[in-house]
Amino acid sequence: MTPADQDGAQARLVSAPALPRLTAFALDAVTYLIIPALLLPLGLLLIRHGVMPEFGCSQCIGLVLVIAPATAWATWCEARPREATLGKRLLRLGVLAETTEALVPASRSLARNVIKIALPWESGHTCPLASPYMIGWPAPSWCEPGVITD
């Protein structure tokens, strides 16, 4: 590519509107749900055999087995030459550094995805489930360990 072609290509790069970005994020969120879907049979098997982790332990398990891999996957996809997760690729979007329009460094992609994926996902589980404990209310019955009968 000649320098003139490069300048023309860079001039065509524009920030995507909100709707395609949100659509790409929704498509990506569906792919993140593959992980818990694959882990669901294991969780049901453990519950059936009476294994019920405490609240804090279950939150840590979710963070390590679901949220961290989803965040790492999105970070890896955005820091690679394709510059995009699956949802972004389907909509022909990419993530570039704002000033240089080059690949986003992995550290910046990690920060983006921790803010975009890990923090909301973890707080979305922790806050509603932990709030009864914090204010002294009894835990909902579905949070309490118990015997599951047929």
C-alpha atoms as a PDB file:
ATOM      1  CA  MET A   1       0.000   0.000   0.000  1.00  0.00           C
ATOM      2  CA  THR A   2       1.418   3.372  -0.930  1.00  0.00           C
ATOM      3  CA  PRO A   3       1.537   6.240   1.577  1.00  0.00           C
ATOM      4  CA  ALA A   4      -1.303   7.939  -0.303  1.00  0.00           C
ATOM      5  CA  ASP A   5      -3.426   4.769  -0.001  1.00  0.00           C
ATOM      6  CA  GLN A   6      -2.652   4.575   3.710  1.00  0.00           C
ATOM      7  CA  ASP A   7      -3.709   8.179   4.222  1.00  0.00           C
ATOM      8  CA  GLY A   8      -6.943   7.498   2.332  1.00  0.00           C
ATOM      9  CA  ALA A   9      -7.641   4.371   4.391  1.00  0.00           C
ATOM     10  CA  GLN A  10      -7.046   6.239   7.647  1.00  0.00           C
ATOM     11  CA  ALA A  11      -9.305   9.079   6.532  1.00  0.00           C
ATOM     12  CA  ARG A  12     -12.159   6.576   6.040  1.00  0.00           C
ATOM     13  CA  LEU A  13     -11.946   5.304   9.632  1.00  0.00           C
ATOM     14  CA  VAL A  14     -14.756   6.761  11.707  1.00  0.00           C
ATOM     15  CA  SER A  15     -16.232   5.996  15.083  1.00  0.00           C
ATOM     16  CA  ALA A  16     -19.165   3.603  14.787  1.00  0.00           C
ATOM     17  CA  PRO A  17     -22.633   4.790  15.831  1.00  0.00           C
ATOM     18  CA  ALA A  18     -24.130   3.513  19.068  1.00  0.00           C
ATOM     19  CA  LEU A  19     -26.607   1.011  17.575  1.00  0.00           C
ATOM     20  CA  PRO A  20     -24.027  -1.149  15.747  1.00  0.00           C
ATOM     21  CA  ARG A  21     -21.793  -1.069  18.830  1.00  0.00           C
ATOM     22  CA  LEU A  22     -24.643  -2.182  21.092  1.00  0.00           C
ATOM     23  CA  THR A  23     -25.677  -4.867  18.607  1.00  0.00           C
ATOM     24  CA  ALA A  24     -22.106  -6.167  18.463  1.00  0.00           C
ATOM     25  CA  PHE A  25     -21.936  -6.180  22.267  1.00  0.00           C
ATOM     26  CA  ALA A  26     -25.233  -8.106  22.456  1.00  0.00           C
ATOM     27  CA  LEU A  27     -23.909 -10.694  19.990  1.00  0.00           C
ATOM     28  CA  ASP A  28     -20.736 -10.982  22.051  1.00  0.00           C
ATOM     29  CA  ALA A  29     -22.775 -11.378  25.247  1.00  0.00           C
ATOM     30  CA  VAL A  30     -24.537 -14.362  23.699  1.00  0.00           C
ATOM     31  CA  THR A  31     -21.153 -15.962  23.027  1.00  0.00           C
ATOM     32  CA  TYR A  32     -20.081 -15.303  26.640  1.00  0.00           C
ATOM     33  CA  LEU A  33     -23.111 -17.292  27.800  1.00  0.00           C
ATOM     34  CA  ILE A  34     -21.743 -20.414  26.132  1.00  0.00           C
ATOM     35  CA  ILE A  35     -19.397 -20.856  29.108  1.00  0.00           C
ATOM     36  CA  PRO A  36     -22.116 -21.040  31.804  1.00  0.00           C
ATOM     37  CA  ALA A  37     -24.252 -23.176  29.502  1.00  0.00           C
ATOM     38  CA  LEU A  38     -21.416 -25.699  29.279  1.00  0.00           C
ATOM     39  CA  LEU A  39     -20.923 -25.599  33.065  1.00  0.00           C
ATOM     40  CA  LEU A  40     -24.632 -25.961  33.908  1.00  0.00           C
ATOM     41  CA  PRO A  41     -24.732 -29.789  33.736  1.00  0.00           C
ATOM     42  CA  LEU A  42     -21.743 -29.979  36.103  1.00  0.00           C
ATOM     43  CA  GLY A  43     -23.432 -27.581  38.534  1.00  0.00           C
ATOM     44  CA  LEU A  44     -26.679 -29.563  38.439  1.00  0.00           C
ATOM     45  CA  LEU A  45     -24.767 -32.790  39.021  1.00  0.00           C
ATOM     46  CA  LEU A  46     -22.978 -31.319  42.032  1.00  0.00           C
ATOM     47  CA  ILE A  47     -26.243 -29.995  43.502  1.00  0.00           C
ATOM     48  CA  ARG A  48     -27.907 -33.367  42.972  1.00  0.00           C
ATOM     49  CA  HIS A  49     -25.122 -34.944  45.041  1.00  0.00           C
ATOM     50  CA  GLY A  50     -25.574 -32.415  47.844  1.00  0.00           C
ATOM     51  CA  VAL A  51     -22.594 -30.196  47.040  1.00  0.00           C
ATOM     52  CA  MET A  52     -23.710 -26.613  47.676  1.00  0.00           C
ATOM     53  CA  PRO A  53     -20.889 -24.086  47.988  1.00  0.00           C
ATOM     54  CA  GLU A  54     -21.298 -21.114  50.305  1.00  0.00           C
ATOM     55  CA  PHE A  55     -22.184 -17.737  48.805  1.00  0.00           C
ATOM     56  CA  GLY A  56     -18.629 -16.374  48.701  1.00  0.00           C
ATOM     57  CA  CYS A  57     -17.259 -19.595  47.259  1.00  0.00           C
ATOM     58  CA  SER A  58     -19.881 -19.717  44.521  1.00  0.00           C
ATOM     59  CA  GLN A  59     -19.103 -16.088  43.604  1.00  0.00           C
ATOM     60  CA  CYS A  60     -15.387 -16.939  43.336  1.00  0.00           C
ATOM     61  CA  ILE A  61     -16.148 -19.998  41.218  1.00  0.00           C
ATOM     62  CA  GLY A  62     -18.268 -17.882  38.880  1.00  0.00           C
ATOM     63  CA  LEU A  63     -15.558 -15.240  38.649  1.00  0.00           C
ATOM     64  CA  VAL A  64     -12.820 -17.760  37.858  1.00  0.00           C
ATOM     65  CA  LEU A  65     -14.755 -20.108  35.556  1.00  0.00           C
ATOM     66  CA  VAL A  66     -17.070 -17.711  33.722  1.00  0.00           C
ATOM     67  CA  ILE A  67     -16.333 -13.999  34.045  1.00  0.00           C
ATOM     68  CA  ALA A  68     -12.527 -14.102  33.819  1.00  0.00           C
ATOM     69  CA  PRO A  69     -12.515 -16.363  30.715  1.00  0.00           C
ATOM     70  CA  ALA A  70     -15.117 -14.181  28.948  1.00  0.00           C
ATOM     71  CA  THR A  71     -13.097 -11.061  29.730  1.00  0.00           C
ATOM     72  CA  ALA A  72      -9.842 -12.720  28.650  1.00  0.00           C
ATOM     73  CA  TRP A  73     -11.398 -13.966  25.420  1.00  0.00           C
ATOM     74  CA  ALA A  74     -12.677 -10.493  24.462  1.00  0.00           C
ATOM     75  CA  THR A  75      -9.294  -8.977  25.355  1.00  0.00           C
ATOM     76  CA  TRP A  76      -7.451 -11.534  23.238  1.00  0.00           C
ATOM     77  CA  CYS A  77      -9.760 -10.994  20.256  1.00  0.00           C
ATOM     78  CA  GLU A  78      -9.429  -7.204  20.348  1.00  0.00           C
ATOM     79  CA  ALA A  79      -5.639  -7.226  20.727  1.00  0.00           C
ATOM     80  CA  ARG A  80      -5.130  -9.516  17.719  1.00  0.00           C
ATOM     81  CA  PRO A  81      -4.724  -8.348  14.125  1.00  0.00           C
ATOM     82  CA  ARG A  82      -8.458  -8.802  13.446  1.00  0.00           C
ATOM     83  CA  GLU A  83      -9.090  -6.093  16.077  1.00  0.00           C
ATOM     84  CA  ALA A  84     -12.503  -7.431  17.025  1.00  0.00           C
ATOM     85  CA  THR A  85     -14.599  -9.969  18.851  1.00  0.00           C
ATOM     86  CA  LEU A  86     -17.054 -12.128  16.923  1.00  0.00           C
ATOM     87  CA  GLY A  87     -19.911  -9.628  17.254  1.00  0.00           C
ATOM     88  CA  LYS A  88     -17.749  -6.779  16.019  1.00  0.00           C
ATOM     89  CA  ARG A  89     -16.446  -8.839  13.094  1.00  0.00           C
ATOM     90  CA  LEU A  90     -19.986  -9.743  12.048  1.00  0.00           C
ATOM     91  CA  LEU A  91     -20.843  -6.035  11.920  1.00  0.00           C
ATOM     92  CA  ARG A  92     -17.492  -5.110  10.359  1.00  0.00           C
ATOM     93  CA  LEU A  93     -16.355  -3.088  13.358  1.00  0.00           C
ATOM     94  CA  GLY A  94     -12.916  -3.029  14.915  1.00  0.00           C
ATOM     95  CA  VAL A  95     -11.119  -1.623  17.936  1.00  0.00           C
ATOM     96  CA  LEU A  96      -8.243   0.715  17.165  1.00  0.00           C
ATOM     97  CA  ALA A  97      -6.171   3.056  19.287  1.00  0.00           C
ATOM     98  CA  GLU A  98      -7.765   6.487  19.108  1.00  0.00           C
ATOM     99  CA  THR A  99      -4.686   8.540  18.296  1.00  0.00           C
ATOM    100  CA  THR A 100      -2.615   6.151  16.188  1.00  0.00           C
ATOM    101  CA  GLU A 101      -5.414   4.047  14.641  1.00  0.00           C
ATOM    102  CA  ALA A 102      -3.200   1.009  15.234  1.00  0.00           C
ATOM    103  CA  LEU A 103      -3.947  -2.179  17.163  1.00  0.00           C
ATOM    104  CA  VAL A 104      -5.034  -1.578  20.708  1.00  0.00           C
ATOM    105  CA  PRO A 105      -2.357  -2.760  23.165  1.00  0.00           C
ATOM    106  CA  ALA A 106      -3.365  -5.803  25.192  1.00  0.00           C
ATOM    107  CA  SER A 107      -3.206  -3.813  28.440  1.00  0.00           C
ATOM    108  CA  ARG A 108      -5.683  -1.241  27.118  1.00  0.00           C
ATOM    109  CA  SER A 109      -7.938  -3.954  25.726  1.00  0.00           C
ATOM    110  CA  LEU A 110      -7.869  -5.673  29.110  1.00  0.00           C
ATOM    111  CA  ALA A 111      -8.844  -2.436  30.866  1.00  0.00           C
ATOM    112  CA  ARG A 112     -11.692  -1.895  28.356  1.00  0.00           C
ATOM    113  CA  ASN A 113     -13.056  -5.380  28.873  1.00  0.00           C
ATOM    114  CA  VAL A 114     -12.731  -5.394  32.650  1.00  0.00           C
ATOM    115  CA  ILE A 115     -14.812  -2.202  32.712  1.00  0.00           C
ATOM    116  CA  LYS A 116     -17.226  -3.425  30.031  1.00  0.00           C
ATOM    117  CA  ILE A 117     -17.616  -7.102  31.004  1.00  0.00           C
ATOM    118  CA  ALA A 118     -16.098  -8.187  34.315  1.00  0.00           C
ATOM    119  CA  LEU A 119     -17.208  -5.359  36.624  1.00  0.00           C
ATOM    120  CA  PRO A 120     -20.850  -5.171  35.495  1.00  0.00           C
ATOM    121  CA  TRP A 121     -21.221  -8.955  35.357  1.00  0.00           C
ATOM    122  CA  GLU A 122     -19.708  -9.544  38.782  1.00  0.00           C
ATOM    123  CA  SER A 123     -21.520  -6.653  40.456  1.00  0.00           C
ATOM    124  CA  GLY A 124     -24.745  -7.752  38.766  1.00  0.00           C
ATOM    125  CA  HIS A 125     -24.482 -11.041  40.643  1.00  0.00           C
ATOM    126  CA  THR A 126     -22.879  -9.925  43.878  1.00  0.00           C
ATOM    127  CA  CYS A 127     -25.019  -6.913  44.724  1.00  0.00           C
ATOM    128  CA  PRO A 128     -28.480  -8.511  44.529  1.00  0.00           C
ATOM    129  CA  LEU A 129     -27.370 -11.793  46.089  1.00  0.00           C
ATOM    130  CA  ALA A 130     -25.251 -10.295  48.879  1.00  0.00           C
ATOM    131  CA  SER A 131     -27.532  -7.409  49.867  1.00  0.00           C
ATOM    132  CA  PRO A 132     -29.833  -9.506  52.112  1.00  0.00           C
ATOM    133  CA  TYR A 133     -26.774 -10.683  54.064  1.00  0.00           C
ATOM    134  CA  MET A 134     -25.386  -7.157  54.373  1.00  0.00           C
ATOM    135  CA  ILE A 135     -28.559  -5.626  55.796  1.00  0.00           C
ATOM    136  CA  GLY A 136     -29.398  -8.562  58.023  1.00  0.00           C
ATOM    137  CA  TRP A 137     -32.337 -10.027  56.148  1.00  0.00           C
ATOM    138  CA  PRO A 138     -32.639 -13.781  55.829  1.00  0.00           C
ATOM    139  CA  ALA A 139     -31.355 -15.182  52.561  1.00  0.00           C
ATOM    140  CA  PRO A 140     -33.950 -16.190  49.978  1.00  0.00           C
ATOM    141  CA  SER A 141     -34.867 -19.851  50.187  1.00  0.00           C
ATOM    142  CA  TRP A 142     -33.353 -20.556  46.775  1.00  0.00           C
ATOM    143  CA  CYS A 143     -29.958 -19.343  48.079  1.00  0.00           C
ATOM    144  CA  GLU A 144     -29.957 -21.620  51.101  1.00  0.00           C
ATOM    145  CA  PRO A 145     -28.300 -25.025  50.871  1.00  0.00           C
ATOM    146  CA  GLY A 146     -30.868 -27.744  51.146  1.00  0.00           C
ATOM    147  CA  VAL A 147     -31.806 -31.222  50.136  1.00  0.00           C
ATOM    148  CA  ILE A 148     -33.075 -31.638  46.607  1.00  0.00           C
ATOM    149  CA  THR A 149     -35.639 -34.367  46.275  1.00  0.00           C
ATOM    150  CA  ASP A 150     -37.079 -35.987  43.177  1.00  0.00           C
END
